[in-house]
Amino acid sequence: LAPAKCRVCGDGIDVDIVVCRRCNTPHHRECWHYNGACSTYGCGETRFDETKRPAASFRT
């Protein structure tokens, strides 16, 4: 199972993961703050939740 990839930077997501409150898309915390919102087209959510889920459990 390949690690999820951040839609902002394109790197694998393995540490400091946050997820969109609306669509549950994982992001690096730093990339979320850089982008200012969820990177999923049409989502636009500006709030995130921290997660303790293992990175391998996300599919992007």
PDB file of N, CA and C in Angstrom:
ATOM      1  N   LEU A   1       0.848  -1.177   0.000  1.00  0.00           N
ATOM      2  CA  LEU A   1       0.000   0.000   0.000  1.00  0.00           C
ATOM      3  C   LEU A   1       0.891   1.236   0.000  1.00  0.00           C
ATOM      4  N   ALA A   2       0.798   2.036  -1.026  1.00  0.00           N
ATOM      5  CA  ALA A   2       1.615   3.247  -1.136  1.00  0.00           C
ATOM      6  C   ALA A   2       1.093   4.321  -0.193  1.00  0.00           C
ATOM      7  N   PRO A   3       2.010   5.145   0.338  1.00  0.00           N
ATOM      8  CA  PRO A   3       1.556   6.227   1.219  1.00  0.00           C
ATOM      9  C   PRO A   3       0.737   7.256   0.449  1.00  0.00           C
ATOM     10  N   ALA A   4      -0.157   7.898   1.156  1.00  0.00           N
ATOM     11  CA  ALA A   4      -0.939   8.980   0.546  1.00  0.00           C
ATOM     12  C   ALA A   4       0.003  10.096   0.128  1.00  0.00           C
ATOM     13  N   LYS A   5      -0.368  10.815  -0.916  1.00  0.00           N
ATOM     14  CA  LYS A   5       0.438  11.949  -1.374  1.00  0.00           C
ATOM     15  C   LYS A   5      -0.294  13.243  -1.087  1.00  0.00           C
ATOM     16  N   CYS A   6       0.465  14.217  -0.661  1.00  0.00           N
ATOM     17  CA  CYS A   6      -0.082  15.542  -0.397  1.00  0.00           C
ATOM     18  C   CYS A   6      -0.419  16.200  -1.732  1.00  0.00           C
ATOM     19  N   ARG A   7      -1.611  16.731  -1.852  1.00  0.00           N
ATOM     20  CA  ARG A   7      -2.031  17.364  -3.103  1.00  0.00           C
ATOM     21  C   ARG A   7      -1.455  18.761  -3.280  1.00  0.00           C
ATOM     22  N   VAL A   8      -0.801  19.285  -2.252  1.00  0.00           N
ATOM     23  CA  VAL A   8      -0.172  20.599  -2.370  1.00  0.00           C
ATOM     24  C   VAL A   8       1.262  20.448  -2.871  1.00  0.00           C
ATOM     25  N   CYS A   9       2.062  19.601  -2.193  1.00  0.00           N
ATOM     26  CA  CYS A   9       3.483  19.485  -2.552  1.00  0.00           C
ATOM     27  C   CYS A   9       3.811  18.228  -3.346  1.00  0.00           C
ATOM     28  N   GLY A  10       2.930  17.234  -3.334  1.00  0.00           N
ATOM     29  CA  GLY A  10       3.148  16.010  -4.083  1.00  0.00           C
ATOM     30  C   GLY A  10       3.987  14.961  -3.375  1.00  0.00           C
ATOM     31  N   ASP A  11       4.490  15.265  -2.184  1.00  0.00           N
ATOM     32  CA  ASP A  11       5.287  14.301  -1.426  1.00  0.00           C
ATOM     33  C   ASP A  11       4.380  13.360  -0.645  1.00  0.00           C
ATOM     34  N   GLY A  12       4.937  12.217  -0.275  1.00  0.00           N
ATOM     35  CA  GLY A  12       4.210  11.283   0.564  1.00  0.00           C
ATOM     36  C   GLY A  12       3.921  11.901   1.923  1.00  0.00           C
ATOM     37  N   ILE A  13       2.789  11.544   2.486  1.00  0.00           N
ATOM     38  CA  ILE A  13       2.399  12.072   3.792  1.00  0.00           C
ATOM     39  C   ILE A  13       2.680  10.993   4.825  1.00  0.00           C
ATOM     40  N   ASP A  14       3.619  11.274   5.714  1.00  0.00           N
ATOM     41  CA  ASP A  14       3.944  10.275   6.723  1.00  0.00           C
ATOM     42  C   ASP A  14       4.010  10.830   8.144  1.00  0.00           C
ATOM     43  N   VAL A  15       4.136  12.134   8.299  1.00  0.00           N
ATOM     44  CA  VAL A  15       4.180  12.740   9.635  1.00  0.00           C
ATOM     45  C   VAL A  15       3.409  14.050   9.640  1.00  0.00           C
ATOM     46  N   ASP A  16       2.990  14.475  10.819  1.00  0.00           N
ATOM     47  CA  ASP A  16       2.299  15.752  11.021  1.00  0.00           C
ATOM     48  C   ASP A  16       1.124  15.918  10.048  1.00  0.00           C
ATOM     49  N   ILE A  17       0.208  14.954  10.103  1.00  0.00           N
ATOM     50  CA  ILE A  17      -0.921  14.891   9.177  1.00  0.00           C
ATOM     51  C   ILE A  17      -2.130  15.624   9.750  1.00  0.00           C
ATOM     52  N   VAL A  18      -2.781  16.415   8.908  1.00  0.00           N
ATOM     53  CA  VAL A  18      -4.077  16.997   9.237  1.00  0.00           C
ATOM     54  C   VAL A  18      -5.047  16.581   8.136  1.00  0.00           C
ATOM     55  N   VAL A  19      -6.335  16.516   8.471  1.00  0.00           N
ATOM     56  CA  VAL A  19      -7.337  16.116   7.485  1.00  0.00           C
ATOM     57  C   VAL A  19      -8.431  17.168   7.396  1.00  0.00           C
ATOM     58  N   CYS A  20      -8.937  17.352   6.204  1.00  0.00           N
ATOM     59  CA  CYS A  20     -10.022  18.293   5.959  1.00  0.00           C
ATOM     60  C   CYS A  20     -11.268  17.853   6.720  1.00  0.00           C
ATOM     61  N   ARG A  21     -11.925  18.787   7.379  1.00  0.00           N
ATOM     62  CA  ARG A  21     -13.154  18.465   8.122  1.00  0.00           C
ATOM     63  C   ARG A  21     -14.308  18.103   7.196  1.00  0.00           C
ATOM     64  N   ARG A  22     -14.294  18.601   5.978  1.00  0.00           N
ATOM     65  CA  ARG A  22     -15.403  18.333   5.060  1.00  0.00           C
ATOM     66  C   ARG A  22     -15.199  17.037   4.277  1.00  0.00           C
ATOM     67  N   CYS A  23     -14.043  16.879   3.650  1.00  0.00           N
ATOM     68  CA  CYS A  23     -13.865  15.736   2.741  1.00  0.00           C
ATOM     69  C   CYS A  23     -12.841  14.703   3.213  1.00  0.00           C
ATOM     70  N   ASN A  24     -12.201  14.954   4.365  1.00  0.00           N
ATOM     71  CA  ASN A  24     -11.264  14.006   4.970  1.00  0.00           C
ATOM     72  C   ASN A  24      -9.983  13.793   4.158  1.00  0.00           C
ATOM     73  N   THR A  25      -9.636  14.727   3.280  1.00  0.00           N
ATOM     74  CA  THR A  25      -8.400  14.623   2.513  1.00  0.00           C
ATOM     75  C   THR A  25      -7.211  14.939   3.415  1.00  0.00           C
ATOM     76  N   PRO A  26      -6.186  14.061   3.426  1.00  0.00           N
ATOM     77  CA  PRO A  26      -5.018  14.323   4.262  1.00  0.00           C
ATOM     78  C   PRO A  26      -4.074  15.342   3.622  1.00  0.00           C
ATOM     79  N   HIS A  27      -3.411  16.114   4.460  1.00  0.00           N
ATOM     80  CA  HIS A  27      -2.415  17.104   4.036  1.00  0.00           C
ATOM     81  C   HIS A  27      -1.290  17.136   5.067  1.00  0.00           C
ATOM     82  N   HIS A  28      -0.108  17.589   4.657  1.00  0.00           N
ATOM     83  CA  HIS A  28       0.896  17.981   5.648  1.00  0.00           C
ATOM     84  C   HIS A  28       0.367  19.242   6.320  1.00  0.00           C
ATOM     85  N   ARG A  29       0.579  19.384   7.597  1.00  0.00           N
ATOM     86  CA  ARG A  29       0.134  20.589   8.314  1.00  0.00           C
ATOM     87  C   ARG A  29       0.723  21.846   7.647  1.00  0.00           C
ATOM     88  N   GLU A  30       2.001  21.816   7.344  1.00  0.00           N
ATOM     89  CA  GLU A  30       2.665  22.970   6.722  1.00  0.00           C
ATOM     90  C   GLU A  30       2.026  23.317   5.377  1.00  0.00           C
ATOM     91  N   CYS A  31       1.671  22.309   4.595  1.00  0.00           N
ATOM     92  CA  CYS A  31       1.055  22.552   3.287  1.00  0.00           C
ATOM     93  C   CYS A  31      -0.355  23.117   3.436  1.00  0.00           C
ATOM     94  N   TRP A  32      -1.094  22.642   4.452  1.00  0.00           N
ATOM     95  CA  TRP A  32      -2.435  23.194   4.695  1.00  0.00           C
ATOM     96  C   TRP A  32      -2.327  24.687   4.969  1.00  0.00           C
ATOM     97  N   HIS A  33      -1.403  25.059   5.852  1.00  0.00           N
ATOM     98  CA  HIS A  33      -1.248  26.473   6.197  1.00  0.00           C
ATOM     99  C   HIS A  33      -0.774  27.289   4.992  1.00  0.00           C
ATOM    100  N   TYR A  34       0.090  26.715   4.172  1.00  0.00           N
ATOM    101  CA  TYR A  34       0.559  27.394   2.961  1.00  0.00           C
ATOM    102  C   TYR A  34      -0.609  27.648   2.008  1.00  0.00           C
ATOM    103  N   ASN A  35      -1.448  26.637   1.823  1.00  0.00           N
ATOM    104  CA  ASN A  35      -2.569  26.731   0.890  1.00  0.00           C
ATOM    105  C   ASN A  35      -3.741  27.530   1.467  1.00  0.00           C
ATOM    106  N   GLY A  36      -3.890  27.496   2.777  1.00  0.00           N
ATOM    107  CA  GLY A  36      -4.950  28.248   3.444  1.00  0.00           C
ATOM    108  C   GLY A  36      -6.301  27.563   3.477  1.00  0.00           C
ATOM    109  N   ALA A  37      -6.396  26.401   2.858  1.00  0.00           N
ATOM    110  CA  ALA A  37      -7.655  25.654   2.806  1.00  0.00           C
ATOM    111  C   ALA A  37      -7.374  24.272   2.227  1.00  0.00           C
ATOM    112  N   CYS A  38      -8.416  23.460   2.165  1.00  0.00           N
ATOM    113  CA  CYS A  38      -8.288  22.136   1.558  1.00  0.00           C
ATOM    114  C   CYS A  38      -7.877  22.279   0.094  1.00  0.00           C
ATOM    115  N   SER A  39      -7.040  21.356  -0.354  1.00  0.00           N
ATOM    116  CA  SER A  39      -6.556  21.415  -1.736  1.00  0.00           C
ATOM    117  C   SER A  39      -7.447  20.654  -2.718  1.00  0.00           C
ATOM    118  N   THR A  40      -8.496  20.002  -2.232  1.00  0.00           N
ATOM    119  CA  THR A  40      -9.403  19.277  -3.117  1.00  0.00           C
ATOM    120  C   THR A  40     -10.254  20.269  -3.907  1.00  0.00           C
ATOM    121  N   TYR A  41     -10.285  20.114  -5.227  1.00  0.00           N
ATOM    122  CA  TYR A  41     -11.035  21.019  -6.093  1.00  0.00           C
ATOM    123  C   TYR A  41     -12.491  21.097  -5.647  1.00  0.00           C
ATOM    124  N   GLY A  42     -12.963  22.307  -5.424  1.00  0.00           N
ATOM    125  CA  GLY A  42     -14.354  22.537  -5.069  1.00  0.00           C
ATOM    126  C   GLY A  42     -14.682  22.387  -3.593  1.00  0.00           C
ATOM    127  N   CYS A  43     -13.743  21.950  -2.776  1.00  0.00           N
ATOM    128  CA  CYS A  43     -14.034  21.765  -1.347  1.00  0.00           C
ATOM    129  C   CYS A  43     -14.007  23.108  -0.626  1.00  0.00           C
ATOM    130  N   GLY A  44     -12.866  23.752  -0.571  1.00  0.00           N
ATOM    131  CA  GLY A  44     -12.760  25.081   0.020  1.00  0.00           C
ATOM    132  C   GLY A  44     -12.808  25.154   1.539  1.00  0.00           C
ATOM    133  N   GLU A  45     -12.849  24.009   2.212  1.00  0.00           N
ATOM    134  CA  GLU A  45     -12.897  24.009   3.684  1.00  0.00           C
ATOM    135  C   GLU A  45     -11.635  24.653   4.249  1.00  0.00           C
ATOM    136  N   THR A  46     -11.810  25.480   5.269  1.00  0.00           N
ATOM    137  CA  THR A  46     -10.663  26.152   5.887  1.00  0.00           C
ATOM    138  C   THR A  46     -10.315  25.576   7.254  1.00  0.00           C
ATOM    139  N   ARG A  47     -11.118  24.617   7.734  1.00  0.00           N
ATOM    140  CA  ARG A  47     -10.843  23.999   9.031  1.00  0.00           C
ATOM    141  C   ARG A  47     -10.322  22.580   8.831  1.00  0.00           C
ATOM    142  N   PHE A  48      -9.427  22.177   9.718  1.00  0.00           N
ATOM    143  CA  PHE A  48      -8.897  20.820   9.644  1.00  0.00           C
ATOM    144  C   PHE A  48      -8.944  20.176  11.021  1.00  0.00           C
ATOM    145  N   ASP A  49      -8.785  18.869  11.030  1.00  0.00           N
ATOM    146  CA  ASP A  49      -8.664  18.105  12.268  1.00  0.00           C
ATOM    147  C   ASP A  49      -7.305  17.427  12.269  1.00  0.00           C
ATOM    148  N   GLU A  50      -6.717  17.320  13.446  1.00  0.00           N
ATOM    149  CA  GLU A  50      -5.492  16.545  13.586  1.00  0.00           C
ATOM    150  C   GLU A  50      -5.889  15.086  13.625  1.00  0.00           C
ATOM    151  N   THR A  51      -4.988  14.221  13.199  1.00  0.00           N
ATOM    152  CA  THR A  51      -5.309  12.798  13.192  1.00  0.00           C
ATOM    153  C   THR A  51      -4.143  11.996  13.716  1.00  0.00           C
ATOM    154  N   LYS A  52      -4.459  10.878  14.289  1.00  0.00           N
ATOM    155  CA  LYS A  52      -3.447   9.922  14.741  1.00  0.00           C
ATOM    156  C   LYS A  52      -3.472   8.682  13.850  1.00  0.00           C
ATOM    157  N   ARG A  53      -4.299   8.726  12.798  1.00  0.00           N
ATOM    158  CA  ARG A  53      -4.374   7.585  11.878  1.00  0.00           C
ATOM    159  C   ARG A  53      -3.031   7.372  11.204  1.00  0.00           C
ATOM    160  N   PRO A  54      -2.644   6.127  10.973  1.00  0.00           N
ATOM    161  CA  PRO A  54      -1.400   5.879  10.245  1.00  0.00           C
ATOM    162  C   PRO A  54      -1.523   6.374   8.810  1.00  0.00           C
ATOM    163  N   ALA A  55      -0.455   6.913   8.291  1.00  0.00           N
ATOM    164  CA  ALA A  55      -0.461   7.475   6.940  1.00  0.00           C
ATOM    165  C   ALA A  55      -0.909   6.452   5.902  1.00  0.00           C
ATOM    166  N   ALA A  56      -0.552   5.193   6.090  1.00  0.00           N
ATOM    167  CA  ALA A  56      -0.893   4.157   5.114  1.00  0.00           C
ATOM    168  C   ALA A  56      -2.396   3.918   5.015  1.00  0.00           C
ATOM    169  N   SER A  57      -3.177   4.401   5.971  1.00  0.00           N
ATOM    170  CA  SER A  57      -4.622   4.161   5.934  1.00  0.00           C
ATOM    171  C   SER A  57      -5.360   5.132   5.014  1.00  0.00           C
ATOM    172  N   PHE A  58      -4.673   6.145   4.499  1.00  0.00           N
ATOM    173  CA  PHE A  58      -5.287   7.114   3.593  1.00  0.00           C
ATOM    174  C   PHE A  58      -5.072   6.693   2.152  1.00  0.00           C
ATOM    175  N   ARG A  59      -6.074   6.905   1.319  1.00  0.00           N
ATOM    176  CA  ARG A  59      -5.965   6.654  -0.127  1.00  0.00           C
ATOM    177  C   ARG A  59      -6.251   7.964  -0.825  1.00  0.00           C
ATOM    178  N   THR A  60      -5.337   8.386  -1.701  1.00  0.00           N
ATOM    179  CA  THR A  60      -5.578   9.614  -2.464  1.00  0.00           C
ATOM    180  C   THR A  60      -5.454   9.352  -3.934  1.00  0.00           C
TER     181      THR A  60
END
